PDB file of all heavy atoms in Angstrom:
ATOM      1  N   VAL A   1     174.430  85.572 229.960  1.00  0.00           N
ATOM      2  CA  VAL A   1     173.790  85.384 228.657  1.00  0.00           C
ATOM      3  C   VAL A   1     174.479  86.253 227.600  1.00  0.00           C
ATOM      4  O   VAL A   1     174.506  87.477 227.708  1.00  0.00           O
ATOM      5  CB  VAL A   1     172.290  85.752 228.731  1.00  0.00           C
ATOM      6  CG1 VAL A   1     171.645  85.603 227.349  1.00  0.00           C
ATOM      7  CG2 VAL A   1     171.576  84.867 229.746  1.00  0.00           C
ATOM      8  N   ASN A   2     175.036  85.597 226.581  1.00  0.00           N
ATOM      9  CA  ASN A   2     175.726  86.310 225.501  1.00  0.00           C
ATOM     10  C   ASN A   2     174.805  86.620 224.321  1.00  0.00           C
ATOM     11  O   ASN A   2     175.090  87.504 223.516  1.00  0.00           O
ATOM     12  CB  ASN A   2     176.909  85.491 224.982  1.00  0.00           C
ATOM     13  CG  ASN A   2     178.033  85.385 226.000  1.00  0.00           C
ATOM     14  OD1 ASN A   2     178.008  86.097 227.006  1.00  0.00           O
ATOM     15  ND2 ASN A   2     178.993  84.515 225.776  1.00  0.00           N
ATOM     16  N   GLY A   3     173.731  85.864 224.181  1.00  0.00           N
ATOM     17  CA  GLY A   3     172.824  86.072 223.061  1.00  0.00           C
ATOM     18  C   GLY A   3     171.475  85.423 223.318  1.00  0.00           C
ATOM     19  O   GLY A   3     171.373  84.482 224.109  1.00  0.00           O
ATOM     20  N   VAL A   4     170.437  85.958 222.659  1.00  0.00           N
ATOM     21  CA  VAL A   4     169.079  85.420 222.775  1.00  0.00           C
ATOM     22  C   VAL A   4     168.564  85.132 221.370  1.00  0.00           C
ATOM     23  O   VAL A   4     168.555  86.021 220.511  1.00  0.00           O
ATOM     24  CB  VAL A   4     168.134  86.425 223.477  1.00  0.00           C
ATOM     25  CG1 VAL A   4     166.716  85.874 223.547  1.00  0.00           C
ATOM     26  CG2 VAL A   4     168.646  86.750 224.873  1.00  0.00           C
ATOM     27  N   TYR A   5     168.118  83.893 221.142  1.00  0.00           N
ATOM     28  CA  TYR A   5     167.710  83.487 219.799  1.00  0.00           C
ATOM     29  C   TYR A   5     166.462  82.603 219.849  1.00  0.00           C
ATOM     30  O   TYR A   5     166.079  82.095 220.888  1.00  0.00           O
ATOM     31  CB  TYR A   5     168.845  82.708 219.120  1.00  0.00           C
ATOM     32  CG  TYR A   5     170.178  83.402 219.177  1.00  0.00           C
ATOM     33  CD1 TYR A   5     171.167  82.989 220.062  1.00  0.00           C
ATOM     34  CD2 TYR A   5     170.445  84.496 218.345  1.00  0.00           C
ATOM     35  CE1 TYR A   5     172.388  83.633 220.124  1.00  0.00           C
ATOM     36  CE2 TYR A   5     171.666  85.147 218.399  1.00  0.00           C
ATOM     37  CZ  TYR A   5     172.635  84.718 219.299  1.00  0.00           C
ATOM     38  OH  TYR A   5     173.837  85.365 219.362  1.00  0.00           O
ATOM     39  N   ASP A   6     165.854  82.435 218.661  1.00  0.00           N
ATOM     40  CA  ASP A   6     164.747  81.476 218.484  1.00  0.00           C
ATOM     41  C   ASP A   6     163.595  81.712 219.459  1.00  0.00           C
ATOM     42  O   ASP A   6     163.014  80.753 219.979  1.00  0.00           O
ATOM     43  CB  ASP A   6     165.251  80.028 218.644  1.00  0.00           C
ATOM     44  CG  ASP A   6     166.416  79.721 217.726  1.00  0.00           C
ATOM     45  OD1 ASP A   6     166.419  80.230 216.598  1.00  0.00           O
ATOM     46  OD2 ASP A   6     167.323  78.962 218.148  1.00  0.00           O
ATOM     47  N   LEU A   7     163.275  82.972 219.714  1.00  0.00           N
ATOM     48  CA  LEU A   7     162.139  83.255 220.593  1.00  0.00           C
ATOM     49  C   LEU A   7     160.839  82.919 219.869  1.00  0.00           C
ATOM     50  O   LEU A   7     160.530  83.479 218.815  1.00  0.00           O
ATOM     51  CB  LEU A   7     162.145  84.727 221.012  1.00  0.00           C
ATOM     52  CG  LEU A   7     160.959  85.188 221.878  1.00  0.00           C
ATOM     53  CD1 LEU A   7     160.919  84.417 223.196  1.00  0.00           C
ATOM     54  CD2 LEU A   7     161.039  86.685 222.144  1.00  0.00           C
ATOM     55  N   VAL A   8     160.090  81.994 220.423  1.00  0.00           N
ATOM     56  CA  VAL A   8     158.815  81.580 219.849  1.00  0.00           C
ATOM     57  C   VAL A   8     157.737  81.774 220.909  1.00  0.00           C
ATOM     58  O   VAL A   8     157.860  81.268 222.029  1.00  0.00           O
ATOM     59  CB  VAL A   8     158.837  80.102 219.413  1.00  0.00           C
ATOM     60  CG1 VAL A   8     157.468  79.674 218.892  1.00  0.00           C
ATOM     61  CG2 VAL A   8     159.904  79.868 218.351  1.00  0.00           C
ATOM     62  N   LEU A   9     156.689  82.528 220.566  1.00  0.00           N
ATOM     63  CA  LEU A   9     155.580  82.742 221.492  1.00  0.00           C
ATOM     64  C   LEU A   9     154.299  82.171 220.895  1.00  0.00           C
ATOM     65  O   LEU A   9     153.961  82.450 219.738  1.00  0.00           O
ATOM     66  CB  LEU A   9     155.388  84.238 221.775  1.00  0.00           C
ATOM     67  CG  LEU A   9     156.525  84.952 222.496  1.00  0.00           C
ATOM     68  CD1 LEU A   9     156.144  86.401 222.782  1.00  0.00           C
ATOM     69  CD2 LEU A   9     156.879  84.244 223.791  1.00  0.00           C
ATOM     70  N   ASN A  10     153.600  81.366 221.660  1.00  0.00           N
ATOM     71  CA  ASN A  10     152.314  80.819 221.254  1.00  0.00           C
ATOM     72  C   ASN A  10     151.207  81.649 221.896  1.00  0.00           C
ATOM     73  O   ASN A  10     151.187  81.833 223.110  1.00  0.00           O
ATOM     74  CB  ASN A  10     152.192  79.359 221.689  1.00  0.00           C
ATOM     75  CG  ASN A  10     153.275  78.494 221.057  1.00  0.00           C
ATOM     76  OD1 ASN A  10     153.480  78.547 219.850  1.00  0.00           O
ATOM     77  ND2 ASN A  10     153.973  77.715 221.866  1.00  0.00           N
ATOM     78  N   ASP A  11     150.308  82.138 221.043  1.00  0.00           N
ATOM     79  CA  ASP A  11     149.241  83.032 221.467  1.00  0.00           C
ATOM     80  C   ASP A  11     148.029  82.219 221.913  1.00  0.00           C
ATOM     81  O   ASP A  11     147.388  81.550 221.105  1.00  0.00           O
ATOM     82  CB  ASP A  11     148.876  83.938 220.283  1.00  0.00           C
ATOM     83  CG  ASP A  11     147.832  84.973 220.626  1.00  0.00           C
ATOM     84  OD1 ASP A  11     147.246  84.885 221.723  1.00  0.00           O
ATOM     85  OD2 ASP A  11     147.594  85.866 219.799  1.00  0.00           O
ATOM     86  N   TYR A  12     147.705  82.297 223.208  1.00  0.00           N
ATOM     87  CA  TYR A  12     146.536  81.595 223.733  1.00  0.00           C
ATOM     88  C   TYR A  12     145.407  82.570 224.093  1.00  0.00           C
ATOM     89  O   TYR A  12     144.590  82.302 224.949  1.00  0.00           O
ATOM     90  CB  TYR A  12     146.927  80.758 224.956  1.00  0.00           C
ATOM     91  CG  TYR A  12     147.789  79.574 224.577  1.00  0.00           C
ATOM     92  CD1 TYR A  12     149.165  79.613 224.755  1.00  0.00           C
ATOM     93  CD2 TYR A  12     147.224  78.432 224.024  1.00  0.00           C
ATOM     94  CE1 TYR A  12     149.956  78.532 224.384  1.00  0.00           C
ATOM     95  CE2 TYR A  12     148.012  77.349 223.656  1.00  0.00           C
ATOM     96  CZ  TYR A  12     149.374  77.405 223.836  1.00  0.00           C
ATOM     97  OH  TYR A  12     150.165  76.336 223.467  1.00  0.00           O
ATOM     98  N   GLY A  13     145.413  83.702 223.403  1.00  0.00           N
ATOM     99  CA  GLY A  13     144.419  84.731 223.660  1.00  0.00           C
ATOM    100  C   GLY A  13     145.123  86.044 223.929  1.00  0.00           C
ATOM    101  O   GLY A  13     146.337  86.087 224.140  1.00  0.00           O
ATOM    102  N   PRO A  14     144.376  87.165 223.890  1.00  0.00           N
ATOM    103  CA  PRO A  14     144.982  88.476 224.156  1.00  0.00           C
ATOM    104  C   PRO A  14     145.758  88.509 225.466  1.00  0.00           C
ATOM    105  O   PRO A  14     145.243  88.127 226.511  1.00  0.00           O
ATOM    106  CB  PRO A  14     143.765  89.421 224.204  1.00  0.00           C
ATOM    107  CG  PRO A  14     142.739  88.727 223.369  1.00  0.00           C
ATOM    108  CD  PRO A  14     142.934  87.263 223.620  1.00  0.00           C
ATOM    109  N   ASP A  15     147.005  88.936 225.379  1.00  0.00           N
ATOM    110  CA  ASP A  15     147.871  89.072 226.555  1.00  0.00           C
ATOM    111  C   ASP A  15     148.071  87.744 227.291  1.00  0.00           C
ATOM    112  O   ASP A  15     148.248  87.719 228.509  1.00  0.00           O
ATOM    113  CB  ASP A  15     147.307  90.128 227.522  1.00  0.00           C
ATOM    114  CG  ASP A  15     148.392  90.695 228.435  1.00  0.00           C
ATOM    115  OD1 ASP A  15     149.555  90.744 228.006  1.00  0.00           O
ATOM    116  OD2 ASP A  15     148.079  91.067 229.573  1.00  0.00           O
ATOM    117  N   SER A  16     148.048  86.641 226.536  1.00  0.00           N
ATOM    118  CA  SER A  16     148.273  85.322 227.136  1.00  0.00           C
ATOM    119  C   SER A  16     149.223  84.545 226.238  1.00  0.00           C
ATOM    120  O   SER A  16     148.809  83.960 225.231  1.00  0.00           O
ATOM    121  CB  SER A  16     146.945  84.576 227.300  1.00  0.00           C
ATOM    122  OG  SER A  16     147.164  83.296 227.850  1.00  0.00           O
ATOM    123  N   PHE A  17     150.505  84.570 226.593  1.00  0.00           N
ATOM    124  CA  PHE A  17     151.523  83.946 225.762  1.00  0.00           C
ATOM    125  C   PHE A  17     152.333  82.921 226.551  1.00  0.00           C
ATOM    126  O   PHE A  17     152.646  83.123 227.723  1.00  0.00           O
ATOM    127  CB  PHE A  17     152.503  85.003 225.225  1.00  0.00           C
ATOM    128  CG  PHE A  17     151.881  85.967 224.250  1.00  0.00           C
ATOM    129  CD1 PHE A  17     151.362  87.174 224.686  1.00  0.00           C
ATOM    130  CD2 PHE A  17     151.825  85.668 222.902  1.00  0.00           C
ATOM    131  CE1 PHE A  17     150.794  88.066 223.794  1.00  0.00           C
ATOM    132  CE2 PHE A  17     151.258  86.550 222.003  1.00  0.00           C
ATOM    133  CZ  PHE A  17     150.747  87.752 222.448  1.00  0.00           C
ATOM    134  N   GLN A  18     152.676  81.831 225.870  1.00  0.00           N
ATOM    135  CA  GLN A  18     153.633  80.868 226.379  1.00  0.00           C
ATOM    136  C   GLN A  18     154.590  80.552 225.244  1.00  0.00           C
ATOM    137  O   GLN A  18     154.197  80.571 224.070  1.00  0.00           O
ATOM    138  CB  GLN A  18     152.945  79.591 226.860  1.00  0.00           C
ATOM    139  CG  GLN A  18     152.069  79.797 228.084  1.00  0.00           C
ATOM    140  CD  GLN A  18     151.642  78.487 228.720  1.00  0.00           C
ATOM    141  OE1 GLN A  18     152.317  77.476 228.590  1.00  0.00           O
ATOM    142  NE2 GLN A  18     150.517  78.513 229.421  1.00  0.00           N
ATOM    143  N   GLY A  19     155.829  80.266 225.577  1.00  0.00           N
ATOM    144  CA  GLY A  19     156.768  80.016 224.494  1.00  0.00           C
ATOM    145  C   GLY A  19     158.093  79.464 224.949  1.00  0.00           C
ATOM    146  O   GLY A  19     158.240  78.934 226.057  1.00  0.00           O
ATOM    147  N   SER A  20     159.065  79.610 224.066  1.00  0.00           N
ATOM    148  CA  SER A  20     160.404  79.070 224.319  1.00  0.00           C
ATOM    149  C   SER A  20     161.447  80.004 223.729  1.00  0.00           C
ATOM    150  O   SER A  20     161.135  80.860 222.888  1.00  0.00           O
ATOM    151  CB  SER A  20     160.529  77.677 223.705  1.00  0.00           C
ATOM    152  OG  SER A  20     160.336  77.735 222.303  1.00  0.00           O
ATOM    153  N   VAL A  21     162.685  79.812 224.149  1.00  0.00           N
ATOM    154  CA  VAL A  21     163.779  80.652 223.671  1.00  0.00           C
ATOM    155  C   VAL A  21     165.093  79.898 223.842  1.00  0.00           C
ATOM    156  O   VAL A  21     165.186  78.978 224.669  1.00  0.00           O
ATOM    157  CB  VAL A  21     163.808  81.998 224.453  1.00  0.00           C
ATOM    158  CG1 VAL A  21     164.251  81.771 225.896  1.00  0.00           C
ATOM    159  CG2 VAL A  21     164.705  83.012 223.772  1.00  0.00           C
ATOM    160  N   HIS A  22     166.086  80.256 223.041  1.00  0.00           N
ATOM    161  CA  HIS A  22     167.441  79.735 223.219  1.00  0.00           C
ATOM    162  C   HIS A  22     168.339  80.856 223.734  1.00  0.00           C
ATOM    163  O   HIS A  22     168.231  81.994 223.252  1.00  0.00           O
ATOM    164  CB  HIS A  22     168.016  79.218 221.899  1.00  0.00           C
ATOM    165  CG  HIS A  22     167.627  77.809 221.581  1.00  0.00           C
ATOM    166  ND1 HIS A  22     166.590  77.500 220.744  1.00  0.00           N
ATOM    167  CD2 HIS A  22     168.146  76.627 222.002  1.00  0.00           C
ATOM    168  CE1 HIS A  22     166.474  76.183 220.644  1.00  0.00           C
ATOM    169  NE2 HIS A  22     167.404  75.628 221.399  1.00  0.00           N
ATOM    170  N   ILE A  23     169.175  80.533 224.676  1.00  0.00           N
ATOM    171  CA  ILE A  23     170.157  81.504 225.166  1.00  0.00           C
ATOM    172  C   ILE A  23     171.558  80.967 224.894  1.00  0.00           C
ATOM    173  O   ILE A  23     171.787  79.758 224.887  1.00  0.00           O
ATOM    174  CB  ILE A  23     169.981  81.784 226.679  1.00  0.00           C
ATOM    175  CG1 ILE A  23     170.104  80.487 227.498  1.00  0.00           C
ATOM    176  CG2 ILE A  23     168.655  82.481 226.931  1.00  0.00           C
ATOM    177  CD1 ILE A  23     170.101  80.713 229.003  1.00  0.00           C
ATOM    178  N   GLU A  24     172.475  81.890 224.645  1.00  0.00           N
ATOM    179  CA  GLU A  24     173.872  81.525 224.390  1.00  0.00           C
ATOM    180  C   GLU A  24     174.688  81.836 225.638  1.00  0.00           C
ATOM    181  O   GLU A  24     174.669  82.975 226.122  1.00  0.00           O
ATOM    182  CB  GLU A  24     174.393  82.330 223.191  1.00  0.00           C
ATOM    183  CG  GLU A  24     175.640  81.753 222.558  1.00  0.00           C
ATOM    184  CD  GLU A  24     175.979  82.462 221.261  1.00  0.00           C
ATOM    185  OE1 GLU A  24     176.190  83.691 221.294  1.00  0.00           O
ATOM    186  OE2 GLU A  24     176.032  81.793 220.219  1.00  0.00           O
ATOM    187  N   VAL A  25     175.348  80.817 226.163  1.00  0.00           N
ATOM    188  CA  VAL A  25     176.123  80.971 227.403  1.00  0.00           C
ATOM    189  C   VAL A  25     177.538  80.435 227.207  1.00  0.00           C
ATOM    190  O   VAL A  25     177.776  79.623 226.304  1.00  0.00           O
ATOM    191  CB  VAL A  25     175.434  80.225 228.575  1.00  0.00           C
ATOM    192  CG1 VAL A  25     174.050  80.800 228.842  1.00  0.00           C
ATOM    193  CG2 VAL A  25     175.355  78.734 228.297  1.00  0.00           C
ATOM    194  N   PRO A  26     178.481  80.874 228.036  1.00  0.00           N
ATOM    195  CA  PRO A  26     179.861  80.381 227.931  1.00  0.00           C
ATOM    196  C   PRO A  26     179.936  78.866 228.153  1.00  0.00           C
ATOM    197  O   PRO A  26     179.148  78.297 228.907  1.00  0.00           O
ATOM    198  CB  PRO A  26     180.590  81.138 229.048  1.00  0.00           C
ATOM    199  CG  PRO A  26     179.744  82.339 229.307  1.00  0.00           C
ATOM    200  CD  PRO A  26     178.342  81.908 229.070  1.00  0.00           C
ATOM    201  N   ASP A  27     180.904  78.221 227.503  1.00  0.00           N
ATOM    202  CA  ASP A  27     181.065  76.774 227.654  1.00  0.00           C
ATOM    203  C   ASP A  27     181.649  76.377 229.005  1.00  0.00           C
ATOM    204  O   ASP A  27     181.834  75.192 229.283  1.00  0.00           O
ATOM    205  CB  ASP A  27     181.934  76.207 226.526  1.00  0.00           C
ATOM    206  CG  ASP A  27     183.291  76.910 226.408  1.00  0.00           C
ATOM    207  OD1 ASP A  27     183.545  77.844 227.204  1.00  0.00           O
ATOM    208  OD2 ASP A  27     184.075  76.536 225.520  1.00  0.00           O
ATOM    209  N   THR A  28     181.887  77.355 229.853  1.00  0.00           N
ATOM    210  CA  THR A  28     182.420  77.072 231.192  1.00  0.00           C
ATOM    211  C   THR A  28     181.305  76.903 232.229  1.00  0.00           C
ATOM    212  O   THR A  28     181.573  76.561 233.380  1.00  0.00           O
ATOM    213  CB  THR A  28     183.346  78.215 231.642  1.00  0.00           C
ATOM    214  OG1 THR A  28     182.643  79.466 231.542  1.00  0.00           O
ATOM    215  CG2 THR A  28     184.592  78.278 230.760  1.00  0.00           C
ATOM    216  N   CYS A  29     180.036  77.154 231.823  1.00  0.00           N
ATOM    217  CA  CYS A  29     178.919  77.037 232.767  1.00  0.00           C
ATOM    218  C   CYS A  29     178.689  75.570 233.154  1.00  0.00           C
ATOM    219  O   CYS A  29     178.729  74.684 232.302  1.00  0.00           O
ATOM    220  CB  CYS A  29     177.640  77.581 232.148  1.00  0.00           C
ATOM    221  SG  CYS A  29     177.599  79.366 232.031  1.00  0.00           S
ATOM    222  N   ASN A  30     178.420  75.343 234.441  1.00  0.00           N
ATOM    223  CA  ASN A  30     178.066  73.982 234.858  1.00  0.00           C
ATOM    224  C   ASN A  30     176.551  73.856 234.997  1.00  0.00           C
ATOM    225  O   ASN A  30     175.809  74.837 234.897  1.00  0.00           O
ATOM    226  CB  ASN A  30     178.770  73.603 236.160  1.00  0.00           C
ATOM    227  CG  ASN A  30     178.434  74.539 237.312  1.00  0.00           C
ATOM    228  OD1 ASN A  30     177.277  74.921 237.488  1.00  0.00           O
ATOM    229  ND2 ASN A  30     179.445  74.925 238.098  1.00  0.00           N
ATOM    230  N   ALA A  31     176.080  72.654 235.237  1.00  0.00           N
ATOM    231  CA  ALA A  31     174.645  72.384 235.284  1.00  0.00           C
ATOM    232  C   ALA A  31     173.946  73.179 236.376  1.00  0.00           C
ATOM    233  O   ALA A  31     172.830  73.673 236.192  1.00  0.00           O
ATOM    234  CB  ALA A  31     174.406  70.892 235.481  1.00  0.00           C
ATOM    235  N   SER A  32     174.591  73.325 237.515  1.00  0.00           N
ATOM    236  CA  SER A  32     173.988  74.049 238.629  1.00  0.00           C
ATOM    237  C   SER A  32     173.798  75.522 238.285  1.00  0.00           C
ATOM    238  O   SER A  32     172.751  76.117 238.569  1.00  0.00           O
ATOM    239  CB  SER A  32     174.863  73.915 239.875  1.00  0.00           C
ATOM    240  OG  SER A  32     174.341  74.678 240.938  1.00  0.00           O
ATOM    241  N   GLU A  33     174.799  76.105 237.647  1.00  0.00           N
ATOM    242  CA  GLU A  33     174.712  77.509 237.253  1.00  0.00           C
ATOM    243  C   GLU A  33     173.621  77.726 236.205  1.00  0.00           C
ATOM    244  O   GLU A  33     172.877  78.708 236.257  1.00  0.00           O
ATOM    245  CB  GLU A  33     176.060  77.985 236.710  1.00  0.00           C
ATOM    246  CG  GLU A  33     177.152  78.084 237.766  1.00  0.00           C
ATOM    247  CD  GLU A  33     178.514  78.366 237.169  1.00  0.00           C
ATOM    248  OE1 GLU A  33     178.787  77.876 236.048  1.00  0.00           O
ATOM    249  OE2 GLU A  33     179.310  79.074 237.813  1.00  0.00           O
ATOM    250  N   LEU A  34     173.529  76.789 235.261  1.00  0.00           N
ATOM    251  CA  LEU A  34     172.504  76.890 234.229  1.00  0.00           C
ATOM    252  C   LEU A  34     171.102  76.776 234.814  1.00  0.00           C
ATOM    253  O   LEU A  34     170.189  77.512 234.423  1.00  0.00           O
ATOM    254  CB  LEU A  34     172.712  75.803 233.170  1.00  0.00           C
ATOM    255  CG  LEU A  34     173.827  76.044 232.154  1.00  0.00           C
ATOM    256  CD1 LEU A  34     173.984  74.830 231.253  1.00  0.00           C
ATOM    257  CD2 LEU A  34     173.532  77.282 231.315  1.00  0.00           C
ATOM    258  N   ASP A  35     170.932  75.853 235.736  1.00  0.00           N
ATOM    259  CA  ASP A  35     169.631  75.662 236.370  1.00  0.00           C
ATOM    260  C   ASP A  35     169.192  76.939 237.087  1.00  0.00           C
ATOM    261  O   ASP A  35     168.048  77.395 236.950  1.00  0.00           O
ATOM    262  CB  ASP A  35     169.698  74.492 237.356  1.00  0.00           C
ATOM    263  CG  ASP A  35     168.373  74.288 238.083  1.00  0.00           C
ATOM    264  OD1 ASP A  35     167.362  74.052 237.411  1.00  0.00           O
ATOM    265  OD2 ASP A  35     168.363  74.380 239.328  1.00  0.00           O
ATOM    266  N   LYS A  36     170.101  77.533 237.813  1.00  0.00           N
ATOM    267  CA  LYS A  36     169.801  78.767 238.537  1.00  0.00           C
ATOM    268  C   LYS A  36     169.479  79.904 237.571  1.00  0.00           C
ATOM    269  O   LYS A  36     168.537  80.681 237.788  1.00  0.00           O
ATOM    270  CB  LYS A  36     171.007  79.128 239.421  1.00  0.00           C
ATOM    271  CG  LYS A  36     170.784  80.364 240.289  1.00  0.00           C
ATOM    272  CD  LYS A  36     172.018  80.630 241.157  1.00  0.00           C
ATOM    273  CE  LYS A  36     171.832  81.881 242.012  1.00  0.00           C
ATOM    274  NZ  LYS A  36     173.049  82.153 242.845  1.00  0.00           N
ATOM    275  N   LEU A  37     170.241  79.987 236.488  1.00  0.00           N
ATOM    276  CA  LEU A  37     170.045  81.044 235.496  1.00  0.00           C
ATOM    277  C   LEU A  37     168.687  80.910 234.805  1.00  0.00           C
ATOM    278  O   LEU A  37     167.937  81.896 234.669  1.00  0.00           O
ATOM    279  CB  LEU A  37     171.173  80.981 234.456  1.00  0.00           C
ATOM    280  CG  LEU A  37     171.045  81.936 233.257  1.00  0.00           C
ATOM    281  CD1 LEU A  37     171.111  83.387 233.720  1.00  0.00           C
ATOM    282  CD2 LEU A  37     172.128  81.637 232.220  1.00  0.00           C
ATOM    283  N   ILE A  38     168.354  79.702 234.379  1.00  0.00           N
ATOM    284  CA  ILE A  38     167.101  79.469 233.659  1.00  0.00           C
ATOM    285  C   ILE A  38     165.890  79.791 234.533  1.00  0.00           C
ATOM    286  O   ILE A  38     164.919  80.401 234.083  1.00  0.00           O
ATOM    287  CB  ILE A  38     167.048  78.013 233.148  1.00  0.00           C
ATOM    288  CG1 ILE A  38     168.043  77.838 231.999  1.00  0.00           C
ATOM    289  CG2 ILE A  38     165.636  77.640 232.699  1.00  0.00           C
ATOM    290  CD1 ILE A  38     168.228  76.411 231.545  1.00  0.00           C
ATOM    291  N   ARG A  39     165.949  79.393 235.800  1.00  0.00           N
ATOM    292  CA  ARG A  39     164.847  79.692 236.708  1.00  0.00           C
ATOM    293  C   ARG A  39     164.687  81.202 236.902  1.00  0.00           C
ATOM    294  O   ARG A  39     163.570  81.729 236.940  1.00  0.00           O
ATOM    295  CB  ARG A  39     165.078  79.013 238.060  1.00  0.00           C
ATOM    296  CG  ARG A  39     164.940  77.495 238.012  1.00  0.00           C
ATOM    297  CD  ARG A  39     165.335  76.864 239.336  1.00  0.00           C
ATOM    298  NE  ARG A  39     165.342  75.416 239.270  1.00  0.00           N
ATOM    299  CZ  ARG A  39     164.281  74.643 239.526  1.00  0.00           C
ATOM    300  NH1 ARG A  39     163.133  75.209 239.889  1.00  0.00           N
ATOM    301  NH2 ARG A  39     164.372  73.339 239.439  1.00  0.00           N
ATOM    302  N   ALA A  40     165.815  81.891 237.046  1.00  0.00           N
ATOM    303  CA  ALA A  40     165.778  83.342 237.248  1.00  0.00           C
ATOM    304  C   ALA A  40     165.203  84.057 236.012  1.00  0.00           C
ATOM    305  O   ALA A  40     164.399  84.993 236.135  1.00  0.00           O
ATOM    306  CB  ALA A  40     167.176  83.869 237.558  1.00  0.00           C
ATOM    307  N   ILE A  41     165.604  83.615 234.814  1.00  0.00           N
ATOM    308  CA  ILE A  41     165.089  84.210 233.573  1.00  0.00           C
ATOM    309  C   ILE A  41     163.582  83.993 233.460  1.00  0.00           C
ATOM    310  O   ILE A  41     162.827  84.916 233.129  1.00  0.00           O
ATOM    311  CB  ILE A  41     165.810  83.603 232.352  1.00  0.00           C
ATOM    312  CG1 ILE A  41     167.257  84.076 232.299  1.00  0.00           C
ATOM    313  CG2 ILE A  41     165.085  83.986 231.053  1.00  0.00           C
ATOM    314  CD1 ILE A  41     168.092  83.393 231.228  1.00  0.00           C
ATOM    315  N   THR A  42     163.131  82.780 233.747  1.00  0.00           N
ATOM    316  CA  THR A  42     161.709  82.452 233.656  1.00  0.00           C
ATOM    317  C   THR A  42     160.862  83.356 234.547  1.00  0.00           C
ATOM    318  O   THR A  42     159.832  83.899 234.117  1.00  0.00           O
ATOM    319  CB  THR A  42     161.471  80.980 234.051  1.00  0.00           C
ATOM    320  OG1 THR A  42     162.240  80.129 233.191  1.00  0.00           O
ATOM    321  CG2 THR A  42     160.000  80.614 233.931  1.00  0.00           C
ATOM    322  N   LEU A  43     161.302  83.555 235.774  1.00  0.00           N
ATOM    323  CA  LEU A  43     160.558  84.373 236.723  1.00  0.00           C
ATOM    324  C   LEU A  43     160.548  85.843 236.323  1.00  0.00           C
ATOM    325  O   LEU A  43     159.529  86.525 236.434  1.00  0.00           O
ATOM    326  CB  LEU A  43     161.142  84.218 238.132  1.00  0.00           C
ATOM    327  CG  LEU A  43     160.952  82.835 238.793  1.00  0.00           C
ATOM    328  CD1 LEU A  43     161.722  82.765 240.108  1.00  0.00           C
ATOM    329  CD2 LEU A  43     159.467  82.566 239.027  1.00  0.00           C
ATOM    330  N   LYS A  44     161.695  86.337 235.827  1.00  0.00           N
ATOM    331  CA  LYS A  44     161.782  87.753 235.478  1.00  0.00           C
ATOM    332  C   LYS A  44     160.939  88.078 234.239  1.00  0.00           C
ATOM    333  O   LYS A  44     160.253  89.111 234.194  1.00  0.00           O
ATOM    334  CB  LYS A  44     163.239  88.149 235.232  1.00  0.00           C
ATOM    335  CG  LYS A  44     163.425  89.660 235.063  1.00  0.00           C
ATOM    336  CD  LYS A  44     164.875  90.077 235.153  1.00  0.00           C
ATOM    337  CE  LYS A  44     164.992  91.593 235.142  1.00  0.00           C
ATOM    338  NZ  LYS A  44     166.384  92.057 235.261  1.00  0.00           N
ATOM    339  N   VAL A  45     160.967  87.214 233.240  1.00  0.00           N
ATOM    340  CA  VAL A  45     160.174  87.438 232.027  1.00  0.00           C
ATOM    341  C   VAL A  45     158.682  87.386 232.358  1.00  0.00           C
ATOM    342  O   VAL A  45     157.888  88.186 231.846  1.00  0.00           O
ATOM    343  CB  VAL A  45     160.533  86.400 230.943  1.00  0.00           C
ATOM    344  CG1 VAL A  45     159.539  86.458 229.786  1.00  0.00           C
ATOM    345  CG2 VAL A  45     161.947  86.649 230.425  1.00  0.00           C
ATOM    346  N   LEU A  46     158.295  86.475 233.237  1.00  0.00           N
ATOM    347  CA  LEU A  46     156.892  86.382 233.637  1.00  0.00           C
ATOM    348  C   LEU A  46     156.449  87.640 234.374  1.00  0.00           C
ATOM    349  O   LEU A  46     155.373  88.186 234.113  1.00  0.00           O
ATOM    350  CB  LEU A  46     156.676  85.153 234.518  1.00  0.00           C
ATOM    351  CG  LEU A  46     155.255  84.944 235.071  1.00  0.00           C
ATOM    352  CD1 LEU A  46     154.259  84.788 233.928  1.00  0.00           C
ATOM    353  CD2 LEU A  46     155.211  83.739 235.995  1.00  0.00           C
ATOM    354  N   ALA A  47     157.294  88.122 235.275  1.00  0.00           N
ATOM    355  CA  ALA A  47     156.954  89.298 236.082  1.00  0.00           C
ATOM    356  C   ALA A  47     156.880  90.567 235.242  1.00  0.00           C
ATOM    357  O   ALA A  47     155.996  91.405 235.428  1.00  0.00           O
ATOM    358  CB  ALA A  47     157.973  89.465 237.205  1.00  0.00           C
ATOM    359  N   GLU A  48     157.792  90.716 234.282  1.00  0.00           N
ATOM    360  CA  GLU A  48     157.877  91.965 233.524  1.00  0.00           C
ATOM    361  C   GLU A  48     157.060  91.977 232.238  1.00  0.00           C
ATOM    362  O   GLU A  48     156.645  93.038 231.766  1.00  0.00           O
ATOM    363  CB  GLU A  48     159.348  92.268 233.201  1.00  0.00           C
ATOM    364  CG  GLU A  48     160.192  92.535 234.435  1.00  0.00           C
ATOM    365  CD  GLU A  48     161.604  92.997 234.099  1.00  0.00           C
ATOM    366  OE1 GLU A  48     161.893  93.202 232.890  1.00  0.00           O
ATOM    367  OE2 GLU A  48     162.415  93.151 235.037  1.00  0.00           O
TER     368      GLU A  48
END
């Protein structure tokens, strides 16, 4: 991940957020690598 942009969080109550984000990645990434990366980011952000 080279950059993080457009982070949008929707507030569904205190300490309850869902949202979206854009990440900047090299143009050499393939679909399999992106899929693995996105899943890993989702889990880590949820956990932390």
